[in-house]
Amino acid sequence: MASLLARLVLLAACLPIACAAVIATVIAPAASAEHFVWVDEDGVTHFTNDADAVPEAHRAGASPDWDETRALWENLILGERTGTPPGAGGSESDRITRLLRAAEGDLRRGETSRATATLNSVVDLDPTRAEAHWYLALLDRQRGRYDSSEAHLRAFLANADANLSTQRASAEKRLRALADERRLADENQVQGEMQLVGRDSPHFRIRVDAELDRTRTDYAATVLRYLEDARKEVSRDLGVEPDEPLGVVFYGRARYDREHRHRFSFATVGFFDGRIHVASPAHPSGALRSLLYHEYTHALFREQTGGDRPYWLNEGLAERIERRSRRVPASTHGERAALHARLVAGSWIPLRSIARSFSGLSDEDARIAYLESVVTASWIEKRTTREQRARLLARIGHGFSVDQALHEVLGLDTDGLDQAVRADIQSEFPTLDARARPSGRQAGQVPEN
């Protein structure tokens, strides 16, 4: 049998810290006190001052060596006393730390609206919290709010400590880049006909707005790298590869708006019409990379199906793949809650009614149509293999109706798929009224504004 010291070391390693004070009280008396310790066959440790309670088999050597026992606690075998971790207390500073952690979690999950609201609350509570300014600067830049982004970057630099030295260098670089972003977003700076600079590769034929190309010497090489990433990953997801090199045109923001604003009833940053057209930042980043994933998916969809329909599947796959490239979920809880609200209100947009296009939709209905599309594409993805998704696109391209292609792969037509997706959303948000059922307008109708 192991020595008493070894057994107590084992006990100390297994007991929670809160127990240490209790144990010390029991074993602290002088060595002359009649206290007994033993470990039974089940590994349970017993303490007692009743000699008659000690089993015969354990009486020999049951009394501990108090010098060894005392040394056990004095040497802090249980480890250092822990303090309150940052953010766990009740102070104002800890409350702000908790808010920052919540915002970071929301950003990782793609809940950018909620993260923005939380970060703004942090700034209201403590304008010197540099981390909040850092995230808000990034979010505002992505949304084209360059003045606000600059203000947050300057606030970050004014308050960042030595622990944020890496971010400081990046913030200074981003400040310098904002001047280029403003210039390319200002329609007053767009003069004359657009001049394009060409750059080709085995898989792509790219053309870049000359104003955009002048901002960085490595612009073309950077966007070509993004496109090659998109080609590899989108082809892997859909199980097909393009047959021909693809044309891609990159515009500054203002030039894109001037050239293509008339095409859409809602704001866009890219589209595909045989070539990919995208509004690009002056300094390419992850946002542009994700946009290229989205538009490349449209290009591959058209090559495989011969068209853009069903539009909900086309947009749903593109949005799903774009989000995966950003390492965020296919849909956030907030987005699914918005779709559930539509179900409850009876204003769900049937998939069949947005099969031809999203044209004519208001900004709000267009947003909902995109959300419905991406949750539907995600629903399909979870229930199909890559080969099945490739077959779905191929069947549509060979002239099968969408309902026929869906039924062959999923066993559901458009309306059945619509009902299955509604039920999936409804199951996440149970209603107190057992009679409530997902409902929407009749197929072919779009909700009124």
Protein backbone atom coordinates (compact mmCIF):
# COMPACT_ATOMS: atom_id res chain seq x y z
CA MET A 1 0.00 0.00 0.00
CA ALA A 2 1.28 3.49 -0.83
CA SER A 3 2.71 5.64 1.96
CA LEU A 4 0.51 8.11 3.78
CA LEU A 5 2.33 11.03 2.19
CA ALA A 6 1.74 9.64 -1.29
CA ARG A 7 -1.94 9.11 -0.49
CA LEU A 8 -2.29 12.66 0.81
CA VAL A 9 -0.54 14.06 -2.26
CA LEU A 10 -3.10 12.20 -4.36
CA LEU A 11 -5.88 13.56 -2.19
CA ALA A 12 -4.57 17.10 -2.46
CA ALA A 13 -4.37 16.87 -6.22
CA CYS A 14 -7.99 15.76 -6.47
CA LEU A 15 -9.66 18.06 -3.90
CA PRO A 16 -10.95 21.50 -4.93
CA ILE A 17 -9.14 24.50 -3.52
CA ALA A 18 -12.15 25.47 -1.41
CA CYS A 19 -11.63 22.31 0.67
CA ALA A 20 -8.09 23.19 1.73
CA ALA A 21 -9.12 25.35 4.68
CA VAL A 22 -11.42 22.62 6.00
CA ILE A 23 -8.76 19.95 5.78
CA ALA A 24 -6.19 22.17 7.42
CA THR A 25 -8.55 22.64 10.34
CA VAL A 26 -8.85 18.89 10.81
CA ILE A 27 -5.19 18.01 10.62
CA ALA A 28 -3.68 21.10 12.22
CA PRO A 29 -3.77 19.96 15.90
CA ALA A 30 -0.53 18.91 17.53
CA ALA A 31 0.83 15.47 16.79
CA SER A 32 -0.33 14.24 20.18
CA ALA A 33 -4.02 14.63 19.22
CA GLU A 34 -5.78 11.40 18.33
CA HIS A 35 -6.71 11.89 14.68
CA PHE A 36 -6.67 9.09 12.13
CA VAL A 37 -6.52 9.12 8.35
CA TRP A 38 -6.87 6.16 6.01
CA VAL A 39 -7.86 5.34 2.43
CA ASP A 40 -10.31 2.52 1.88
CA GLU A 41 -10.37 0.02 -1.00
CA ASP A 42 -12.58 2.33 -3.06
CA GLY A 43 -10.02 5.12 -2.83
CA VAL A 44 -12.10 7.20 -0.40
CA THR A 45 -10.05 9.07 2.24
CA HIS A 46 -11.40 9.08 5.83
CA PHE A 47 -10.56 11.44 8.75
CA THR A 48 -11.66 10.69 12.32
CA ASN A 49 -10.71 11.16 15.97
CA ASP A 50 -12.61 8.00 16.94
CA ALA A 51 -10.11 5.16 17.16
CA ASP A 52 -12.91 2.58 17.22
CA ALA A 53 -14.13 3.81 13.84
CA VAL A 54 -10.85 2.90 12.13
CA PRO A 55 -11.04 -0.49 10.40
CA GLU A 56 -8.65 -3.09 11.77
CA ALA A 57 -6.82 -3.38 8.48
CA HIS A 58 -5.96 0.33 8.58
CA ARG A 59 -5.13 0.84 12.24
CA ALA A 60 -1.45 0.20 11.81
CA GLY A 61 -0.02 3.46 10.56
CA ALA A 62 -3.41 5.16 10.49
CA SER A 63 -2.12 8.12 12.51
CA PRO A 64 -0.43 10.52 10.09
CA ASP A 65 3.03 11.96 10.31
CA TRP A 66 2.04 15.54 11.08
CA ASP A 67 5.37 16.97 9.94
CA GLU A 68 4.83 15.47 6.51
CA THR A 69 1.20 16.56 6.48
CA ARG A 70 2.05 20.11 7.54
CA ALA A 71 4.70 20.33 4.82
CA LEU A 72 2.12 19.17 2.31
CA TRP A 73 0.04 22.34 2.81
CA GLU A 74 2.95 24.69 3.44
CA ASN A 75 4.45 23.74 0.06
CA LEU A 76 1.18 24.79 -1.64
CA ILE A 77 0.60 21.45 -3.27
CA LEU A 78 -2.82 22.72 -4.39
CA GLY A 79 -1.26 25.60 -6.32
CA GLU A 80 -1.32 29.35 -5.94
CA ARG A 81 -4.46 31.06 -4.71
CA THR A 82 -6.43 32.23 -7.71
CA GLY A 83 -7.67 35.77 -8.11
CA THR A 84 -10.72 37.10 -9.91
CA PRO A 85 -10.11 36.88 -13.67
CA PRO A 86 -10.50 40.06 -15.73
CA GLY A 87 -14.13 40.75 -16.51
CA ALA A 88 -15.51 38.58 -13.72
CA GLY A 89 -15.95 41.25 -11.07
CA GLY A 90 -18.63 43.84 -10.52
CA SER A 91 -16.59 46.95 -11.34
CA GLU A 92 -17.31 49.23 -14.28
CA SER A 93 -14.03 48.14 -15.89
CA ASP A 94 -15.01 44.47 -15.65
CA ARG A 95 -18.42 45.24 -17.10
CA ILE A 96 -16.78 46.87 -20.11
CA THR A 97 -14.44 43.88 -20.50
CA ARG A 98 -17.47 41.57 -20.59
CA LEU A 99 -19.11 43.77 -23.24
CA LEU A 100 -15.96 43.66 -25.38
CA ARG A 101 -15.80 39.87 -25.12
CA ALA A 102 -19.46 39.63 -26.11
CA ALA A 103 -18.85 41.87 -29.13
CA GLU A 104 -15.86 39.77 -30.20
CA GLY A 105 -18.01 36.64 -29.95
CA ASP A 106 -20.72 38.26 -32.06
CA LEU A 107 -18.16 39.21 -34.71
CA ARG A 108 -16.91 35.63 -34.87
CA ARG A 109 -20.49 34.45 -35.36
CA GLY A 110 -21.20 37.06 -38.03
CA GLU A 111 -23.61 39.06 -35.84
CA THR A 112 -22.11 42.37 -36.97
CA SER A 113 -25.14 44.56 -36.19
CA ARG A 114 -25.29 43.40 -32.59
CA ALA A 115 -21.51 43.64 -32.24
CA THR A 116 -21.60 47.22 -33.54
CA ALA A 117 -24.28 48.21 -31.03
CA THR A 118 -22.28 46.66 -28.18
CA LEU A 119 -19.04 48.34 -29.25
CA ASN A 120 -20.76 51.71 -29.45
CA SER A 121 -22.03 51.13 -25.91
CA VAL A 122 -18.45 50.48 -24.78
CA VAL A 123 -17.31 53.76 -26.33
CA ASP A 124 -20.16 55.57 -24.58
CA LEU A 125 -19.14 54.05 -21.24
CA ASP A 126 -15.41 54.54 -21.70
CA PRO A 127 -14.12 56.45 -24.76
CA THR A 128 -10.55 55.40 -23.90
CA ARG A 129 -11.07 51.67 -24.55
CA ALA A 130 -8.85 51.28 -27.60
CA GLU A 131 -10.13 47.80 -28.56
CA ALA A 132 -13.65 49.10 -29.21
CA HIS A 133 -12.33 51.81 -31.52
CA TRP A 134 -10.24 49.22 -33.38
CA TYR A 135 -13.22 47.02 -34.22
CA LEU A 136 -15.49 49.95 -35.07
CA ALA A 137 -12.87 51.35 -37.44
CA LEU A 138 -12.74 48.03 -39.31
CA LEU A 139 -16.54 47.75 -39.51
CA ASP A 140 -16.97 51.34 -40.70
CA ARG A 141 -14.33 50.93 -43.38
CA GLN A 142 -16.09 47.84 -44.72
CA ARG A 143 -19.33 49.85 -44.93
CA GLY A 144 -17.70 52.74 -46.75
CA ARG A 145 -17.95 55.10 -43.75
CA TYR A 146 -14.48 56.47 -44.16
CA ASP A 147 -14.78 59.57 -41.93
CA SER A 148 -16.06 57.50 -39.02
CA SER A 149 -13.40 54.86 -39.65
CA GLU A 150 -10.69 57.53 -39.51
CA ALA A 151 -12.08 58.95 -36.27
CA HIS A 152 -12.02 55.54 -34.61
CA LEU A 153 -8.49 54.82 -35.86
CA ARG A 154 -7.26 58.08 -34.38
CA ALA A 155 -9.02 57.35 -31.10
CA PHE A 156 -7.42 53.90 -31.08
CA LEU A 157 -3.93 55.36 -31.61
CA ALA A 158 -4.52 57.91 -28.85
CA ASN A 159 -5.45 55.23 -26.31
CA ALA A 160 -3.65 52.00 -27.31
CA ASP A 161 -1.04 50.78 -24.84
CA ALA A 162 2.10 48.71 -25.41
CA ASN A 163 0.10 45.47 -25.56
CA LEU A 164 -1.47 46.67 -28.82
CA SER A 165 1.75 47.59 -30.62
CA THR A 166 1.02 45.33 -33.60
CA GLN A 167 -2.39 46.89 -34.08
CA ARG A 168 -0.88 50.37 -33.77
CA ALA A 169 1.32 49.78 -36.79
CA SER A 170 -1.67 48.45 -38.75
CA ALA A 171 -3.84 51.42 -37.70
CA GLU A 172 -1.24 53.89 -38.97
CA LYS A 173 -1.10 52.04 -42.29
CA ARG A 174 -4.91 51.99 -42.55
CA LEU A 175 -5.08 55.73 -41.93
CA ARG A 176 -2.79 56.36 -44.88
CA ALA A 177 -4.89 54.07 -47.07
CA LEU A 178 -8.16 55.88 -46.27
CA ALA A 179 -7.19 58.78 -48.52
CA ASP A 180 -7.13 56.41 -51.50
CA GLU A 181 -10.49 54.90 -50.51
CA ARG A 182 -12.10 58.34 -50.29
CA ARG A 183 -10.75 59.38 -53.67
CA LEU A 184 -12.06 56.28 -55.45
CA ALA A 185 -15.45 56.56 -53.73
CA ASP A 186 -15.95 60.22 -54.67
CA GLU A 187 -17.99 60.52 -57.86
CA ASN A 188 -16.70 64.08 -58.33
CA GLN A 189 -13.28 62.52 -58.93
CA VAL A 190 -14.58 60.29 -61.74
CA GLN A 191 -13.72 62.04 -64.99
CA GLY A 192 -14.00 60.92 -68.63
CA GLU A 193 -14.12 57.40 -69.98
CA MET A 194 -12.90 54.51 -67.89
CA GLN A 195 -9.43 53.27 -68.80
CA LEU A 196 -8.74 49.58 -68.20
CA VAL A 197 -5.42 47.88 -67.51
CA GLY A 198 -5.18 44.21 -68.55
CA ARG A 199 -3.60 41.26 -66.79
CA ASP A 200 -4.10 37.61 -67.81
CA SER A 201 -3.41 34.22 -66.26
CA PRO A 202 -4.22 30.64 -67.34
CA HIS A 203 -7.60 30.81 -65.55
CA PHE A 204 -8.53 34.51 -65.62
CA ARG A 205 -8.63 37.55 -67.88
CA ILE A 206 -8.70 40.54 -65.55
CA ARG A 207 -9.22 44.21 -66.38
CA VAL A 208 -8.60 46.90 -63.76
CA ASP A 209 -9.78 50.50 -63.64
CA ALA A 210 -6.58 52.47 -64.26
CA GLU A 211 -7.32 54.76 -61.30
CA LEU A 212 -7.56 51.70 -59.10
CA ASP A 213 -4.44 50.08 -60.52
CA ARG A 214 -2.33 53.13 -59.72
CA THR A 215 -2.99 52.88 -55.98
CA ARG A 216 -0.80 49.78 -55.48
CA THR A 217 1.89 48.22 -57.59
CA ASP A 218 0.86 44.73 -56.46
CA TYR A 219 -2.90 45.24 -56.97
CA ALA A 220 -3.27 42.85 -59.95
CA ALA A 221 -1.12 40.15 -58.34
CA THR A 222 -3.16 40.34 -55.13
CA VAL A 223 -6.57 40.03 -56.79
CA LEU A 224 -5.32 37.20 -59.02
CA ARG A 225 -4.29 35.32 -55.89
CA TYR A 226 -7.77 35.85 -54.43
CA LEU A 227 -9.35 34.57 -57.64
CA GLU A 228 -7.21 31.44 -57.67
CA ASP A 229 -8.27 30.74 -54.08
CA ALA A 230 -11.91 31.15 -55.09
CA ARG A 231 -11.52 28.87 -58.10
CA LYS A 232 -10.05 26.08 -56.02
CA GLU A 233 -12.50 26.25 -53.10
CA VAL A 234 -15.73 26.92 -55.02
CA SER A 235 -14.99 24.07 -57.43
CA ARG A 236 -14.40 21.82 -54.44
CA ASP A 237 -17.72 22.80 -52.83
CA LEU A 238 -19.81 22.39 -55.98
CA GLY A 239 -17.93 19.44 -57.45
CA VAL A 240 -17.35 21.10 -60.85
CA GLU A 241 -14.65 23.19 -62.51
CA PRO A 242 -14.93 25.86 -65.24
CA ASP A 243 -14.00 24.96 -68.80
CA GLU A 244 -12.76 28.38 -69.95
CA PRO A 245 -10.77 31.30 -68.48
CA LEU A 246 -13.07 33.78 -66.77
CA GLY A 247 -13.20 37.55 -67.32
CA VAL A 248 -13.16 39.81 -64.26
CA VAL A 249 -13.44 43.63 -64.19
CA PHE A 250 -12.41 45.64 -61.12
CA TYR A 251 -13.73 49.17 -60.57
CA GLY A 252 -13.23 51.88 -57.99
CA ARG A 253 -16.40 52.38 -55.96
CA ALA A 254 -17.55 55.60 -57.67
CA ARG A 255 -16.74 54.30 -61.16
CA TYR A 256 -18.72 51.11 -60.51
CA ASP A 257 -21.75 53.13 -59.41
CA ARG A 258 -21.57 55.40 -62.45
CA GLU A 259 -21.27 52.48 -64.86
CA HIS A 260 -23.84 50.10 -63.36
CA ARG A 261 -26.23 51.85 -60.96
CA HIS A 262 -29.01 51.71 -63.56
CA ARG A 263 -29.01 47.90 -63.60
CA PHE A 264 -30.46 47.30 -60.11
CA SER A 265 -33.28 48.57 -57.91
CA PHE A 266 -31.09 48.07 -54.81
CA ALA A 267 -27.46 48.76 -53.96
CA THR A 268 -24.90 46.20 -55.17
CA VAL A 269 -21.13 45.70 -55.02
CA GLY A 270 -20.82 43.08 -57.76
CA PHE A 271 -22.62 41.04 -60.41
CA PHE A 272 -22.00 38.53 -63.17
CA ASP A 273 -23.10 38.93 -66.81
CA GLY A 274 -20.61 36.63 -68.52
CA ARG A 275 -17.83 38.49 -66.74
CA ILE A 276 -17.50 39.23 -63.03
CA HIS A 277 -17.84 42.95 -62.23
CA VAL A 278 -16.89 44.13 -58.72
CA ALA A 279 -16.49 47.39 -56.83
CA SER A 280 -13.09 47.11 -55.20
CA PRO A 281 -11.39 48.96 -52.34
CA ALA A 282 -8.20 50.74 -53.24
CA HIS A 283 -6.29 48.35 -51.02
CA PRO A 284 -7.55 44.76 -51.43
CA SER A 285 -8.42 42.91 -48.24
CA GLY A 286 -10.46 40.00 -46.94
CA ALA A 287 -13.72 41.76 -47.84
CA LEU A 288 -12.80 41.80 -51.53
CA ARG A 289 -11.62 38.19 -51.36
CA SER A 290 -15.02 37.10 -50.00
CA LEU A 291 -16.84 39.12 -52.67
CA LEU A 292 -14.85 37.31 -55.36
CA TYR A 293 -15.87 33.95 -53.89
CA HIS A 294 -19.49 35.09 -54.17
CA GLU A 295 -19.27 36.27 -57.77
CA TYR A 296 -17.15 33.33 -58.87
CA THR A 297 -19.91 31.02 -57.61
CA HIS A 298 -22.38 32.87 -59.88
CA ALA A 299 -20.02 32.36 -62.81
CA LEU A 300 -19.69 28.64 -62.18
CA PHE A 301 -23.46 28.32 -61.67
CA ARG A 302 -24.15 29.92 -65.05
CA GLU A 303 -21.57 27.78 -66.80
CA GLN A 304 -23.13 24.61 -65.41
CA THR A 305 -26.83 25.52 -65.73
CA GLY A 306 -26.77 27.82 -68.74
CA GLY A 307 -28.49 30.62 -66.82
CA ASP A 308 -29.13 32.28 -63.47
CA ARG A 309 -32.24 30.38 -62.35
CA PRO A 310 -33.54 29.41 -59.93
CA TYR A 311 -32.29 32.70 -58.58
CA TRP A 312 -32.74 31.64 -54.95
CA LEU A 313 -30.40 28.68 -55.49
CA ASN A 314 -27.89 30.78 -57.42
CA GLU A 315 -27.76 33.50 -54.77
CA GLY A 316 -28.03 31.03 -51.90
CA LEU A 317 -24.99 29.04 -52.99
CA ALA A 318 -22.99 32.22 -53.65
CA GLU A 319 -23.86 33.72 -50.27
CA ARG A 320 -23.15 30.43 -48.46
CA ILE A 321 -19.74 30.06 -50.06
CA GLU A 322 -18.87 33.72 -49.43
CA ARG A 323 -19.68 33.32 -45.74
CA ARG A 324 -17.62 30.16 -45.50
CA SER A 325 -14.65 32.05 -46.95
CA ARG A 326 -15.03 34.51 -44.05
CA ARG A 327 -15.26 31.63 -41.55
CA VAL A 328 -18.72 32.65 -40.36
CA PRO A 329 -21.90 30.55 -40.16
CA ALA A 330 -24.27 30.25 -43.09
CA SER A 331 -26.76 32.32 -41.10
CA THR A 332 -26.74 33.96 -37.71
CA HIS A 333 -29.30 33.50 -34.97
CA GLY A 334 -30.45 37.08 -35.54
CA GLU A 335 -31.01 36.44 -39.23
CA ARG A 336 -32.99 33.29 -38.57
CA ALA A 337 -35.03 35.21 -36.00
CA ALA A 338 -35.84 37.76 -38.71
CA LEU A 339 -37.02 34.95 -40.99
CA HIS A 340 -39.11 33.49 -38.17
CA ALA A 341 -40.72 36.90 -37.68
CA ARG A 342 -41.71 36.78 -41.34
CA LEU A 343 -43.26 33.37 -40.81
CA VAL A 344 -45.25 34.59 -37.83
CA ALA A 345 -46.40 37.68 -39.76
CA GLY A 346 -47.38 35.56 -42.77
CA SER A 347 -44.99 37.50 -45.04
CA TRP A 348 -42.48 34.80 -45.91
CA ILE A 349 -41.50 35.12 -49.57
CA PRO A 350 -42.14 31.74 -51.27
CA LEU A 351 -39.07 30.35 -53.03
CA ARG A 352 -41.06 29.84 -56.21
CA SER A 353 -41.80 33.58 -56.38
CA ILE A 354 -38.09 34.50 -56.37
CA ALA A 355 -36.94 31.81 -58.78
CA ARG A 356 -36.81 34.19 -61.75
CA SER A 357 -35.05 37.13 -60.05
CA PHE A 358 -34.99 39.50 -57.08
CA SER A 359 -35.75 42.50 -59.29
CA GLY A 360 -38.51 44.79 -58.11
CA LEU A 361 -37.95 43.97 -54.44
CA SER A 362 -37.47 46.73 -51.91
CA ASP A 363 -34.16 46.82 -50.03
CA GLU A 364 -35.81 45.10 -47.05
CA ASP A 365 -37.48 42.37 -49.11
CA ALA A 366 -34.26 41.87 -51.07
CA ARG A 367 -32.43 41.34 -47.77
CA ILE A 368 -35.02 38.76 -46.71
CA ALA A 369 -34.83 37.05 -50.11
CA TYR A 370 -31.07 36.69 -49.70
CA LEU A 371 -31.52 35.28 -46.18
CA GLU A 372 -34.13 32.77 -47.35
CA SER A 373 -31.82 31.76 -50.18
CA VAL A 374 -28.77 31.18 -48.01
CA VAL A 375 -30.64 29.17 -45.35
CA THR A 376 -32.16 27.07 -48.14
CA ALA A 377 -28.75 26.49 -49.74
CA SER A 378 -27.38 25.55 -46.32
CA TRP A 379 -30.30 23.14 -45.78
CA ILE A 380 -29.50 21.48 -49.13
CA GLU A 381 -25.77 21.37 -48.38
CA LYS A 382 -26.31 19.54 -45.09
CA ARG A 383 -28.34 16.84 -46.86
CA THR A 384 -26.31 16.29 -50.03
CA THR A 385 -22.84 15.26 -51.08
CA ARG A 386 -20.63 17.27 -53.40
CA GLU A 387 -21.46 14.83 -56.20
CA GLN A 388 -25.19 15.30 -55.62
CA ARG A 389 -24.85 19.08 -55.77
CA ALA A 390 -22.92 18.75 -59.03
CA ARG A 391 -25.69 16.51 -60.40
CA LEU A 392 -28.34 19.03 -59.38
CA LEU A 393 -26.65 21.77 -61.41
CA ALA A 394 -26.01 19.42 -64.32
CA ARG A 395 -29.67 18.34 -64.51
CA ILE A 396 -30.80 21.95 -64.69
CA GLY A 397 -28.19 22.57 -67.39
CA HIS A 398 -29.46 19.57 -69.39
CA GLY A 399 -32.96 21.02 -69.57
CA PHE A 400 -34.64 19.34 -66.63
CA SER A 401 -37.04 21.59 -64.76
CA VAL A 402 -35.92 22.84 -61.36
CA ASP A 403 -38.61 20.69 -59.72
CA GLN A 404 -37.42 17.59 -61.57
CA ALA A 405 -33.79 18.23 -60.66
CA LEU A 406 -34.63 18.88 -57.02
CA HIS A 407 -36.81 15.79 -56.78
CA GLU A 408 -34.10 13.57 -58.25
CA VAL A 409 -31.52 14.77 -55.72
CA LEU A 410 -33.65 15.61 -52.66
CA GLY A 411 -36.98 13.88 -53.22
CA LEU A 412 -38.69 17.30 -52.96
CA ASP A 413 -39.94 19.86 -55.46
CA THR A 414 -39.63 23.63 -54.90
CA ASP A 415 -42.74 23.87 -52.73
CA GLY A 416 -41.76 20.84 -50.66
CA LEU A 417 -38.29 22.29 -50.13
CA ASP A 418 -39.86 25.61 -49.16
CA GLN A 419 -42.03 23.90 -46.54
CA ALA A 420 -39.08 21.90 -45.17
CA VAL A 421 -36.96 25.04 -44.72
CA ARG A 422 -39.84 26.88 -43.05
CA ALA A 423 -40.38 23.97 -40.67
CA ASP A 424 -36.67 23.93 -39.84
CA ILE A 425 -36.74 27.61 -38.90
CA GLN A 426 -40.00 27.21 -37.01
CA SER A 427 -38.52 24.38 -34.94
CA GLU A 428 -35.79 26.70 -33.68
CA PHE A 429 -38.35 29.21 -32.41
CA PRO A 430 -41.23 27.24 -30.88
CA THR A 431 -44.48 29.09 -30.42
CA LEU A 432 -46.82 28.92 -27.42
CA ASP A 433 -49.73 28.48 -29.78
CA ALA A 434 -49.65 24.85 -30.87
CA ARG A 435 -51.96 25.71 -33.76
CA ALA A 436 -49.44 28.10 -35.31
CA ARG A 437 -47.90 26.83 -38.49
CA PRO A 438 -45.38 28.35 -40.94
CA SER A 439 -47.38 30.27 -43.46
CA GLY A 440 -46.67 32.57 -46.37
CA ARG A 441 -48.31 34.10 -49.37
CA GLN A 442 -49.35 32.00 -52.31
CA ALA A 443 -46.65 30.88 -54.70
CA GLY A 444 -45.81 33.49 -57.27
CA GLN A 445 -46.64 36.46 -55.03
CA VAL A 446 -44.18 38.83 -53.44
CA PRO A 447 -45.17 40.50 -50.15
CA GLU A 448 -46.31 44.06 -50.41
CA ASN A 449 -43.97 46.75 -49.11
